[in-house]
Protein backbone atom coordinates (compact mmCIF):
# COMPACT_ATOMS: atom_id res chain seq x y z
CA MET A 1 13.51 -144.33 -61.58
CA THR A 2 10.31 -142.40 -60.89
CA ARG A 3 7.08 -143.97 -62.04
CA PRO A 4 5.01 -141.69 -64.30
CA THR A 5 1.71 -140.33 -63.06
CA LEU A 6 -1.41 -142.09 -64.27
CA PHE A 7 -2.01 -138.97 -66.38
CA GLU A 8 1.38 -139.35 -68.08
CA PHE A 9 1.07 -143.11 -68.45
CA ALA A 10 -2.35 -142.74 -70.09
CA GLY A 11 -0.95 -140.36 -72.70
CA GLY A 12 -1.79 -136.93 -71.32
CA GLU A 13 -4.67 -134.58 -72.04
CA GLN A 14 -5.60 -136.12 -75.39
CA ALA A 15 -5.93 -139.55 -73.80
CA PHE A 16 -8.32 -138.19 -71.17
CA LEU A 17 -10.32 -136.35 -73.83
CA ARG A 18 -10.67 -139.63 -75.73
CA LEU A 19 -11.68 -141.38 -72.49
CA ALA A 20 -14.30 -138.75 -71.61
CA THR A 21 -15.66 -138.80 -75.18
CA ALA A 22 -15.91 -142.59 -75.22
CA HIS A 23 -17.42 -142.67 -71.73
CA HIS A 24 -20.04 -140.06 -72.63
CA ALA A 25 -20.99 -142.02 -75.77
CA ARG A 26 -21.34 -145.23 -73.75
CA CYS A 27 -23.49 -143.48 -71.14
CA LEU A 28 -25.75 -142.07 -73.86
CA ALA A 29 -26.11 -145.58 -75.31
CA ASP A 30 -27.04 -147.09 -71.93
CA PRO A 31 -30.83 -147.19 -71.45
CA GLU A 32 -30.57 -146.17 -67.77
CA LEU A 33 -27.70 -143.68 -67.96
CA ASN A 34 -29.02 -141.98 -71.06
CA HIS A 35 -31.36 -139.69 -69.13
CA PRO A 36 -28.80 -137.97 -66.89
CA PHE A 37 -26.40 -137.63 -69.85
CA SER A 38 -28.87 -136.17 -72.33
CA HIS A 39 -30.23 -133.15 -70.43
CA GLU A 40 -30.65 -130.05 -72.56
CA ASP A 41 -29.13 -127.94 -69.78
CA GLN A 42 -25.89 -129.93 -69.75
CA HIS A 43 -22.84 -127.70 -70.07
CA PRO A 44 -21.87 -127.42 -73.76
CA GLN A 45 -18.29 -128.39 -72.86
CA HIS A 46 -19.27 -131.26 -70.57
CA VAL A 47 -16.94 -133.78 -72.20
CA GLU A 48 -13.97 -131.41 -72.17
CA ARG A 49 -14.61 -130.49 -68.54
CA LEU A 50 -14.93 -134.16 -67.57
CA ALA A 51 -11.63 -134.89 -69.31
CA ALA A 52 -9.96 -132.00 -67.47
CA TYR A 53 -11.36 -133.22 -64.14
CA TRP A 54 -10.15 -136.80 -64.57
CA ALA A 55 -6.79 -135.63 -65.92
CA GLU A 56 -6.22 -133.39 -62.89
CA VAL A 57 -7.19 -136.12 -60.43
CA MET A 58 -4.74 -138.50 -62.15
CA GLY A 59 -1.81 -136.10 -61.83
CA GLY A 60 -2.34 -133.76 -64.76
CA PRO A 61 -2.45 -129.98 -64.81
CA PRO A 62 -4.99 -128.14 -62.62
CA ARG A 63 -7.21 -127.08 -65.54
CA TYR A 64 -10.48 -128.19 -63.98
CA SER A 65 -9.90 -126.51 -60.62
CA THR A 66 -8.57 -123.37 -62.30
CA GLU A 67 -11.26 -123.01 -64.97
CA CYS A 68 -14.33 -124.87 -63.71
CA GLY A 69 -14.46 -125.10 -59.91
CA ASP A 70 -13.32 -127.16 -57.00
CA HIS A 71 -14.22 -130.67 -55.93
CA SER A 72 -17.18 -129.35 -53.92
CA ALA A 73 -18.68 -127.90 -57.10
CA MET A 74 -18.42 -131.25 -58.86
CA LEU A 75 -19.97 -133.10 -55.91
CA THR A 76 -22.77 -130.53 -55.60
CA MET A 77 -23.56 -130.95 -59.29
CA HIS A 78 -24.02 -134.69 -58.78
CA SER A 79 -25.52 -134.80 -55.28
CA GLY A 80 -29.10 -134.99 -54.13
CA ASN A 81 -30.30 -137.53 -56.66
CA GLY A 82 -31.43 -140.17 -54.19
CA ASP A 83 -30.59 -143.84 -54.60
CA MET A 84 -28.45 -144.25 -57.70
CA THR A 85 -26.75 -147.52 -56.82
CA ASP A 86 -27.47 -149.21 -60.15
CA LEU A 87 -26.55 -146.06 -62.06
CA GLY A 88 -23.25 -146.00 -60.20
CA ARG A 89 -22.47 -149.56 -61.24
CA ARG A 90 -23.45 -148.80 -64.82
CA PHE A 91 -21.30 -145.65 -64.77
CA VAL A 92 -18.25 -147.66 -63.65
CA ASP A 93 -18.92 -150.33 -66.28
CA CYS A 94 -19.10 -147.67 -68.99
CA PHE A 95 -15.87 -146.12 -67.72
CA VAL A 96 -14.01 -149.44 -67.80
CA ALA A 97 -15.22 -150.19 -71.34
CA ALA A 98 -14.48 -146.62 -72.47
CA ALA A 99 -10.82 -147.10 -71.54
CA ASP A 100 -10.69 -149.74 -74.30
CA ASP A 101 -12.64 -147.54 -76.71
CA ALA A 102 -10.22 -144.68 -76.07
CA GLY A 103 -7.18 -146.86 -76.70
CA LEU A 104 -5.69 -146.32 -73.24
CA PRO A 105 -2.79 -148.58 -72.25
CA GLY A 106 -3.92 -152.09 -71.41
CA ASP A 107 -1.38 -152.49 -68.61
CA PRO A 108 -3.23 -154.43 -65.86
CA GLU A 109 -1.93 -152.23 -63.01
CA PHE A 110 -2.94 -149.09 -64.86
CA ARG A 111 -6.40 -150.41 -65.63
CA GLU A 112 -6.83 -151.54 -62.03
CA ALA A 113 -5.87 -148.06 -60.78
CA LEU A 114 -8.42 -146.45 -63.13
CA GLU A 115 -11.21 -148.80 -62.11
CA ASN A 116 -10.39 -148.43 -58.41
CA TYR A 117 -10.51 -144.66 -58.80
CA MET A 118 -13.90 -144.75 -60.48
CA ARG A 119 -15.37 -147.11 -57.87
CA TRP A 120 -14.10 -144.75 -55.14
CA ALA A 121 -15.39 -141.66 -56.98
CA VAL A 122 -18.85 -143.14 -57.51
CA ALA A 123 -19.03 -144.17 -53.84
CA GLU A 124 -18.08 -140.63 -52.84
CA VAL A 125 -20.78 -139.09 -55.04
CA LEU A 126 -23.34 -141.56 -53.69
CA SER A 127 -22.36 -140.57 -50.15
CA TYR A 128 -24.17 -137.25 -50.76
CA PRO A 129 -27.81 -138.32 -51.23
CA ASP A 130 -28.94 -134.77 -50.44
CA PRO A 131 -27.48 -131.62 -51.98
CA THR A 132 -25.52 -130.61 -48.87
CA VAL A 133 -21.81 -130.81 -49.70
CA PRO A 134 -19.02 -129.16 -47.68
CA ASN A 135 -17.60 -126.02 -49.29
CA ASN A 136 -14.08 -125.66 -50.65
CA LEU A 137 -13.18 -129.34 -51.00
CA ARG A 138 -9.97 -129.56 -52.97
CA MET A 139 -9.36 -131.95 -55.82
CA PRO A 140 -8.41 -135.48 -54.84
CA ARG A 141 -5.20 -136.96 -56.24
CA TRP A 142 -5.10 -140.56 -57.35
CA ASP A 143 -2.05 -142.62 -58.23
CA TRP A 144 -1.04 -146.21 -58.79
CA GLU A 145 -1.68 -147.05 -55.13
CA GLY A 146 -5.00 -145.21 -54.79
CA LEU A 147 -6.01 -141.98 -53.10
CA VAL A 148 -2.85 -140.01 -52.39
CA SER A 149 -4.21 -136.84 -50.88
CA ARG A 150 -6.52 -133.98 -50.96
CA PRO A 151 -4.39 -130.86 -50.95
CA PRO A 152 -5.08 -128.85 -47.80
CA LEU A 153 -7.70 -126.15 -47.84
CA PRO A 154 -6.33 -122.63 -48.06
CA ARG A 155 -5.87 -120.98 -44.67
CA PRO A 156 -8.11 -118.00 -43.99
CA ARG A 157 -6.24 -114.69 -43.96
């Protein structure tokens, strides 16, 4: 029997929209994270785009990469902010708590996979302290065991 993707196990697109909504609310309520999450120039569909990004990484449809950009675009958006170590920890804490708020399955393996993903993702973002990010990075894929792959870059014609 094939194990469902994390996307399927979570409950699909609606589950990730609930997660992104709950996470955004928690970040706004955090005294340190509030600032980066309350900018007036934030995309009006930030929560929906965040949900699509996480869903795609967890095995869902390629909505983010089709409609919003590639992984490089996401990293560029979040790079160059200097030392954000405490913000990274706070971001992960909000994510973990938001999974409860969103009513995601409480299965320990599932929750561990989600938390491990977010710790990895935050570390990756923090690895770009200046705004220089390689172009054309494809979306990572995460499953029950961790990082599965980054699909190969398209070959030049």
